[in-house]
Protein backbone atom coordinates (compact mmCIF):
# COMPACT_ATOMS: atom_id res chain seq x y z
CA UNK A 1 93.43 -87.68 -62.87
CA UNK A 2 89.63 -89.03 -61.37
CA UNK A 3 90.08 -86.17 -58.92
CA UNK A 4 90.83 -83.37 -61.63
CA UNK A 5 87.66 -84.71 -63.50
CA UNK A 6 85.55 -84.71 -60.60
CA UNK A 7 86.61 -80.90 -59.27
CA UNK A 8 86.09 -79.75 -63.01
CA UNK A 9 82.76 -81.36 -62.87
CA UNK A 10 81.36 -79.54 -59.43
CA UNK A 11 83.26 -76.32 -60.94
CA UNK A 12 81.44 -76.79 -64.19
CA UNK A 13 78.02 -76.59 -62.35
CA UNK A 14 77.17 -80.25 -62.08
CA UNK A 15 74.09 -81.60 -60.82
CA UNK A 16 73.65 -81.18 -57.07
CA UNK A 17 72.74 -84.85 -56.86
CA UNK A 18 75.33 -86.68 -58.73
CA UNK A 19 74.13 -89.36 -61.24
CA UNK A 20 76.02 -92.64 -62.56
CA UNK A 21 76.44 -90.65 -65.78
CA UNK A 22 78.71 -88.14 -63.52
CA UNK A 23 80.53 -91.34 -62.48
CA UNK A 24 80.94 -92.64 -65.70
CA UNK A 25 82.17 -89.31 -67.21
CA UNK A 26 84.75 -89.00 -64.27
CA UNK A 27 86.13 -92.49 -64.51
CA UNK A 28 86.07 -92.21 -68.57
CA UNK A 29 83.68 -95.02 -69.26
CA UNK A 30 80.30 -96.00 -70.07
CA UNK A 31 77.04 -95.65 -68.34
CA UNK A 32 76.25 -99.19 -68.82
CA UNK A 33 80.02 -99.93 -67.66
CA UNK A 34 79.72 -97.94 -64.70
CA UNK A 35 76.67 -99.44 -64.04
CA UNK A 36 78.18 -102.95 -63.77
CA UNK A 37 81.00 -102.21 -61.68
CA UNK A 38 78.63 -100.48 -58.98
CA UNK A 39 76.17 -102.97 -59.18
CA UNK A 40 77.80 -106.32 -60.22
CA UNK A 41 75.26 -107.04 -62.50
CA UNK A 42 78.01 -108.09 -65.17
CA UNK A 43 81.56 -109.07 -64.76
CA UNK A 44 84.16 -106.19 -64.79
CA UNK A 45 88.06 -106.14 -64.64
CA UNK A 46 89.22 -105.11 -61.26
CA UNK A 47 91.18 -102.12 -62.36
CA UNK A 48 87.80 -100.92 -64.28
CA UNK A 49 85.62 -101.57 -61.16
CA UNK A 50 88.47 -99.90 -58.80
CA UNK A 51 88.44 -96.97 -61.25
CA UNK A 52 84.53 -96.54 -61.07
CA UNK A 53 84.32 -96.81 -57.31
CA UNK A 54 86.77 -94.25 -57.09
CA UNK A 55 85.01 -92.00 -59.37
CA UNK A 56 81.52 -92.58 -57.44
CA UNK A 57 83.77 -91.34 -53.93
CA UNK A 58 85.11 -88.30 -55.80
CA UNK A 59 81.56 -87.06 -57.10
CA UNK A 60 79.73 -88.06 -53.97
CA UNK A 61 77.46 -90.63 -55.73
CA UNK A 62 75.15 -92.68 -53.77
CA UNK A 63 72.64 -95.26 -55.46
CA UNK A 64 69.21 -94.80 -55.13
CA UNK A 65 68.09 -97.71 -53.01
CA UNK A 66 64.81 -98.09 -54.68
CA UNK A 67 66.06 -97.73 -58.46
CA UNK A 68 68.42 -100.29 -57.33
CA UNK A 69 65.72 -102.78 -55.94
CA UNK A 70 63.79 -102.38 -59.43
CA UNK A 71 66.73 -102.89 -61.29
CA UNK A 72 68.09 -105.95 -59.44
CA UNK A 73 64.99 -107.58 -57.79
CA UNK A 74 66.92 -106.91 -54.57
CA UNK A 75 66.69 -104.31 -51.89
CA UNK A 76 69.74 -105.74 -49.95
CA UNK A 77 67.79 -105.15 -46.51
CA UNK A 78 66.40 -107.73 -44.29
CA UNK A 79 63.44 -106.99 -41.61
CA UNK A 80 63.32 -107.69 -38.29
CA UNK A 81 59.90 -108.50 -36.71
CA UNK A 82 60.28 -108.62 -32.56
CA UNK A 83 56.97 -109.08 -30.37
CA UNK A 84 58.02 -106.44 -27.66
CA UNK A 85 61.06 -104.12 -27.68
CA UNK A 86 60.41 -103.35 -23.94
CA UNK A 87 61.46 -106.57 -23.02
CA UNK A 88 65.37 -106.27 -22.76
CA UNK A 89 66.31 -109.91 -24.18
CA UNK A 90 64.82 -108.69 -27.56
CA UNK A 91 66.92 -105.25 -28.28
CA UNK A 92 69.68 -107.40 -27.46
CA UNK A 93 68.85 -110.22 -30.02
CA UNK A 94 68.11 -107.29 -32.38
CA UNK A 95 71.71 -106.02 -32.26
CA UNK A 96 72.99 -109.56 -32.95
CA UNK A 97 70.76 -109.61 -35.87
CA UNK A 98 71.87 -106.23 -37.13
CA UNK A 99 75.62 -106.99 -36.83
CA UNK A 100 75.40 -110.13 -38.75
CA UNK A 101 73.34 -108.66 -41.46
CA UNK A 102 75.81 -105.94 -41.60
CA UNK A 103 78.72 -108.13 -42.03
CA UNK A 104 76.72 -109.60 -44.88
CA UNK A 105 76.52 -106.67 -46.72
CA UNK A 106 72.64 -105.99 -45.77
CA UNK A 107 70.85 -103.13 -44.03
CA UNK A 108 68.08 -103.57 -41.51
CA UNK A 109 64.63 -102.18 -41.24
CA UNK A 110 63.26 -103.15 -37.35
CA UNK A 111 59.60 -103.30 -36.72
CA UNK A 112 57.95 -103.64 -33.27
CA UNK A 113 54.45 -105.83 -32.62
CA UNK A 114 54.02 -103.92 -29.82
CA UNK A 115 53.13 -106.96 -27.43
CA UNK A 116 50.11 -107.78 -29.01
CA UNK A 117 48.88 -110.66 -31.62
CA UNK A 118 47.23 -107.75 -33.47
CA UNK A 119 50.36 -105.99 -34.20
CA UNK A 120 52.05 -108.40 -36.00
CA UNK A 121 50.21 -108.44 -39.22
CA UNK A 122 50.30 -105.27 -40.11
CA UNK A 123 54.10 -104.96 -38.97
CA UNK A 124 55.01 -107.64 -41.27
CA UNK A 125 52.72 -105.89 -44.14
CA UNK A 126 54.74 -102.83 -43.34
CA UNK A 127 58.18 -104.71 -43.71
CA UNK A 128 56.51 -106.40 -47.08
CA UNK A 129 55.95 -102.94 -48.56
CA UNK A 130 59.36 -101.59 -47.94
CA UNK A 131 60.67 -104.32 -50.25
CA UNK A 132 62.68 -106.22 -48.02
CA UNK A 133 64.37 -109.27 -49.13
CA UNK A 134 63.48 -111.48 -46.17
CA UNK A 135 62.63 -111.37 -42.48
CA UNK A 136 64.01 -112.46 -39.20
CA UNK A 137 61.07 -112.68 -37.19
CA UNK A 138 60.57 -113.75 -33.32
CA UNK A 139 56.56 -114.53 -33.36
CA UNK A 140 54.63 -113.81 -30.30
CA UNK A 141 52.64 -116.89 -30.71
CA UNK A 142 52.80 -119.44 -33.30
CA UNK A 143 51.09 -118.15 -36.23
CA UNK A 144 51.24 -119.05 -39.79
CA UNK A 145 54.21 -118.14 -42.09
CA UNK A 146 53.96 -114.73 -43.82
CA UNK A 147 52.98 -115.30 -47.55
CA UNK A 148 55.60 -114.98 -50.44
CA UNK A 149 58.60 -113.67 -48.06
CA UNK A 150 61.45 -115.75 -47.20
CA UNK A 151 61.11 -115.88 -43.35
CA UNK A 152 63.34 -117.07 -40.24
CA UNK A 153 62.11 -117.37 -37.15
CA UNK A 154 64.39 -116.70 -34.05
CA UNK A 155 63.98 -117.66 -30.45
CA UNK A 156 60.54 -119.20 -31.29
CA UNK A 157 59.09 -121.20 -34.33
CA UNK A 158 56.25 -120.98 -36.84
CA UNK A 159 55.27 -123.69 -39.06
CA UNK A 160 56.73 -123.52 -42.57
CA UNK A 161 59.61 -121.34 -41.78
CA UNK A 162 63.40 -121.87 -41.04
CA UNK A 163 64.15 -121.55 -37.59
CA UNK A 164 66.71 -120.92 -34.77
CA UNK A 165 66.37 -120.97 -31.35
CA UNK A 166 68.38 -121.46 -28.08
CA UNK A 167 68.27 -125.27 -26.46
CA UNK A 168 65.10 -124.16 -24.14
CA UNK A 169 64.49 -127.69 -22.35
CA UNK A 170 68.11 -127.72 -21.46
CA UNK A 171 67.89 -123.94 -19.99
CA UNK A 172 65.10 -125.86 -17.63
CA UNK A 173 67.25 -128.83 -16.58
CA UNK A 174 70.28 -126.79 -15.96
CA UNK A 175 68.24 -124.49 -13.69
CA UNK A 176 66.69 -127.88 -11.95
CA UNK A 177 70.52 -129.31 -11.72
CA UNK A 178 71.84 -125.98 -10.44
CA UNK A 179 69.06 -125.74 -7.34
CA UNK A 180 69.39 -129.51 -6.50
CA UNK A 181 73.47 -129.25 -6.36
CA UNK A 182 72.62 -126.18 -4.16
CA UNK A 183 70.77 -128.15 -1.60
CA UNK A 184 67.62 -126.44 -2.67
CA UNK A 185 64.35 -128.55 -1.66
CA UNK A 186 61.48 -126.30 -2.26
CA UNK A 187 61.98 -124.17 -4.98
CA UNK A 188 58.93 -122.01 -6.11
CA UNK A 189 58.87 -122.36 -10.27
CA UNK A 190 57.76 -119.39 -12.57
CA UNK A 191 56.85 -120.37 -16.03
CA UNK A 192 56.79 -118.39 -18.57
CA UNK A 193 53.05 -118.22 -20.61
CA UNK A 194 52.00 -121.62 -21.68
CA UNK A 195 51.23 -120.30 -25.35
CA UNK A 196 54.98 -119.83 -26.19
CA UNK A 197 57.13 -122.77 -27.22
CA UNK A 198 60.22 -121.31 -25.53
CA UNK A 199 58.07 -121.09 -22.33
CA UNK A 200 56.86 -124.62 -22.30
CA UNK A 201 60.15 -126.17 -23.22
CA UNK A 202 62.01 -124.47 -20.12
CA UNK A 203 59.31 -125.73 -18.08
CA UNK A 204 59.41 -129.20 -19.13
CA UNK A 205 62.84 -129.03 -19.00
CA UNK A 206 62.84 -128.50 -15.37
CA UNK A 207 60.42 -130.95 -14.54
CA UNK A 208 62.49 -133.73 -16.06
CA UNK A 209 65.55 -132.73 -14.01
CA UNK A 210 63.58 -131.88 -10.76
CA UNK A 211 63.60 -134.71 -8.20
CA UNK A 212 61.76 -132.90 -5.14
CA UNK A 213 58.66 -131.15 -4.34
CA UNK A 214 57.79 -127.69 -5.12
CA UNK A 215 56.53 -124.92 -2.62
CA UNK A 216 54.32 -123.76 -5.77
CA UNK A 217 53.99 -123.06 -9.26
CA UNK A 218 52.78 -120.28 -11.36
CA UNK A 219 52.59 -118.86 -14.98
CA UNK A 220 53.85 -114.79 -14.95
CA UNK A 221 54.36 -113.25 -18.18
CA UNK A 222 57.89 -112.37 -19.31
CA UNK A 223 57.94 -108.99 -17.24
CA UNK A 224 59.46 -107.80 -14.13
CA UNK A 225 55.93 -106.97 -12.56
CA UNK A 226 54.81 -110.07 -11.04
CA UNK A 227 50.95 -110.65 -11.14
CA UNK A 228 49.51 -110.09 -7.77
CA UNK A 229 48.91 -113.23 -6.42
CA UNK A 230 52.30 -114.16 -7.09
CA UNK A 231 53.78 -111.12 -5.10
CA UNK A 232 51.50 -111.98 -2.26
CA UNK A 233 52.75 -115.79 -2.09
CA UNK A 234 56.29 -114.50 -2.53
CA UNK A 235 56.06 -111.85 0.57
CA UNK A 236 54.15 -114.14 2.85
CA UNK A 237 56.17 -115.34 5.77
CA UNK A 238 54.36 -118.31 5.90
CA UNK A 239 55.10 -119.60 2.51
CA UNK A 240 58.07 -122.19 2.98
CA UNK A 241 60.22 -122.21 0.10
CA UNK A 242 63.95 -121.75 -0.46
CA UNK A 243 64.53 -120.94 -4.29
CA UNK A 244 62.66 -119.25 -6.97
CA UNK A 245 63.38 -120.47 -10.38
CA UNK A 246 62.36 -117.88 -12.87
CA UNK A 247 60.92 -117.84 -16.43
CA UNK A 248 63.05 -115.54 -17.57
CA UNK A 249 65.70 -112.80 -16.21
CA UNK A 250 62.95 -109.84 -16.57
CA UNK A 251 61.05 -111.85 -13.82
CA UNK A 252 64.01 -112.52 -11.80
CA UNK A 253 64.63 -109.17 -11.04
CA UNK A 254 61.12 -108.14 -10.17
CA UNK A 255 61.67 -110.95 -7.74
CA UNK A 256 65.19 -109.73 -6.77
CA UNK A 257 63.51 -106.76 -5.63
CA UNK A 258 60.37 -108.15 -3.96
CA UNK A 259 62.45 -110.60 -1.71
CA UNK A 260 64.64 -107.58 -0.53
CA UNK A 261 61.87 -105.70 0.24
CA UNK A 262 60.28 -108.57 2.43
CA UNK A 263 63.57 -108.93 4.30
CA UNK A 264 64.65 -112.61 2.56
CA UNK A 265 67.97 -112.78 1.95
CA UNK A 266 69.23 -113.90 -1.20
CA UNK A 267 71.24 -116.30 -1.79
CA UNK A 268 71.10 -117.26 2.17
CA UNK A 269 67.66 -117.71 2.60
CA UNK A 270 66.33 -117.90 -1.24
CA UNK A 271 68.50 -118.71 -4.33
CA UNK A 272 67.21 -116.92 -7.47
CA UNK A 273 67.81 -118.09 -11.41
CA UNK A 274 66.81 -116.43 -14.07
CA UNK A 275 67.31 -117.42 -17.89
CA UNK A 276 68.57 -115.44 -20.78
CA UNK A 277 71.69 -113.38 -19.54
CA UNK A 278 70.53 -110.02 -20.39
CA UNK A 279 72.57 -106.81 -19.67
CA UNK A 280 70.90 -105.84 -16.23
CA UNK A 281 71.42 -109.72 -15.21
CA UNK A 282 75.31 -108.82 -14.08
CA UNK A 283 74.38 -105.59 -12.63
CA UNK A 284 71.39 -106.93 -10.42
CA UNK A 285 72.18 -106.73 -6.57
CA UNK A 286 73.05 -109.44 -5.72
CA UNK A 287 74.09 -110.41 -9.42
CA UNK A 288 72.05 -112.84 -11.26
CA UNK A 289 72.66 -116.48 -11.74
CA UNK A 290 70.94 -117.20 -14.91
CA UNK A 291 71.37 -119.34 -18.08
CA UNK A 292 73.12 -117.44 -21.18
CA UNK A 293 71.43 -117.62 -24.15
CA UNK A 294 74.00 -117.63 -27.21
CA UNK A 295 72.92 -114.26 -28.83
CA UNK A 296 75.59 -113.68 -31.28
CA UNK A 297 75.17 -117.25 -32.62
CA UNK A 298 71.42 -116.71 -32.47
CA UNK A 299 71.62 -113.76 -34.82
CA UNK A 300 74.75 -115.04 -37.25
CA UNK A 301 72.40 -117.99 -37.73
CA UNK A 302 69.27 -116.44 -38.37
CA UNK A 303 71.18 -114.37 -40.70
CA UNK A 304 72.93 -116.90 -42.50
CA UNK A 305 69.45 -118.98 -42.98
CA UNK A 306 67.90 -116.32 -44.33
CA UNK A 307 70.16 -115.47 -46.90
CA UNK A 308 70.43 -119.01 -48.27
CA UNK A 309 66.65 -119.21 -48.24
CA UNK A 310 66.47 -115.67 -50.29
CA UNK A 311 69.41 -117.01 -52.49
CA UNK A 312 67.56 -120.16 -53.28
CA UNK A 313 70.31 -122.27 -51.86
CA UNK A 314 67.81 -123.91 -48.99
CA UNK A 315 65.57 -127.17 -49.26
CA UNK A 316 62.99 -128.08 -46.99
CA UNK A 317 62.70 -125.59 -43.76
CA UNK A 318 65.40 -126.32 -41.22
CA UNK A 319 65.73 -125.91 -37.54
CA UNK A 320 68.67 -125.25 -35.37
CA UNK A 321 68.96 -125.44 -31.87
CA UNK A 322 72.09 -124.04 -29.69
CA UNK A 323 73.27 -124.83 -26.84
CA UNK A 324 72.90 -122.88 -23.44
CA UNK A 325 75.24 -122.38 -20.58
CA UNK A 326 74.68 -121.79 -16.83
CA UNK A 327 75.99 -118.54 -15.49
CA UNK A 328 76.42 -118.83 -11.56
CA UNK A 329 76.40 -115.53 -9.67
CA UNK A 330 75.66 -113.91 -6.43
CA UNK A 331 71.90 -115.02 -6.34
CA UNK A 332 72.72 -118.51 -5.66
CA UNK A 333 75.49 -120.26 -3.93
CA UNK A 334 78.94 -121.14 -5.42
CA UNK A 335 78.87 -124.75 -6.21
CA UNK A 336 81.31 -125.16 -9.08
CA UNK A 337 82.69 -128.11 -7.82
CA UNK A 338 79.65 -129.92 -7.09
CA UNK A 339 77.61 -128.84 -10.08
CA UNK A 340 80.53 -130.52 -12.07
CA UNK A 341 79.60 -133.78 -10.19
CA UNK A 342 75.85 -133.32 -10.61
CA UNK A 343 76.22 -132.51 -14.33
């Protein structure tokens, strides 16, 4: 019956873009009932809702998102603001956030700050102008909360916001313990930018667990392009070191390439360990030992906290810390039994 009504509507020369009025006519209900059934603005019976949904499908009706936003005050859309999509960690995190949002019935709009602090504020303003219900945000630094917009930070923190992050301090400890168990005694430690809480916590965790001396340490960006002074020191045959603890996997991939070109064998001469477990880590030669961040859980928890904040279910800002795990691959010795004793 619904299909015949929809066909007759089209044959009679209905509008090119079906309207809610068309849905109501095909379903045999009032426009108000059709609206309630599709938008959930008021309770309707299951039978009426199914009839209206079938009618909407038959006539090809798609609710206009801006009209829905004006009517309900909700766009069912979450913004995602990331500091730099050129860092392979963030596209992987984005995929996890988008999957969690979709499962919760939300669409996503993505903004990239372009790797600069100046890019964040315009990106936040753009997302707010699109009437997103809230934002999942990985701050480049540690700025204040964007005004009047439910926000959850991920990977990094910002004052006044809910936040979810991996246990970066434990990541640093795991790297140090692994190198000690592998018999390495003079590592190079390449820290991430000190302005980032995640980098500071990894560095602090490493120092908490390391009991020996260091060959040298340096601050590097979260990037495979190593600073020139670090490249020279690593390539210098006079620099005595037997491991490199890297700020993240991108840095570790740059180190692997440099060591290969300078003739040092990995892991025989030098063990290399990263953090994050990006997709390229397992494809490196040799495959990269790293500390895995729980990306799916980070995305899921960030979206959960944000929706609770949007729905008014949350109280004071909450900070969740999720566990990390060491993944041993070819860039460091296989020492599973010894690691178990050391941990």
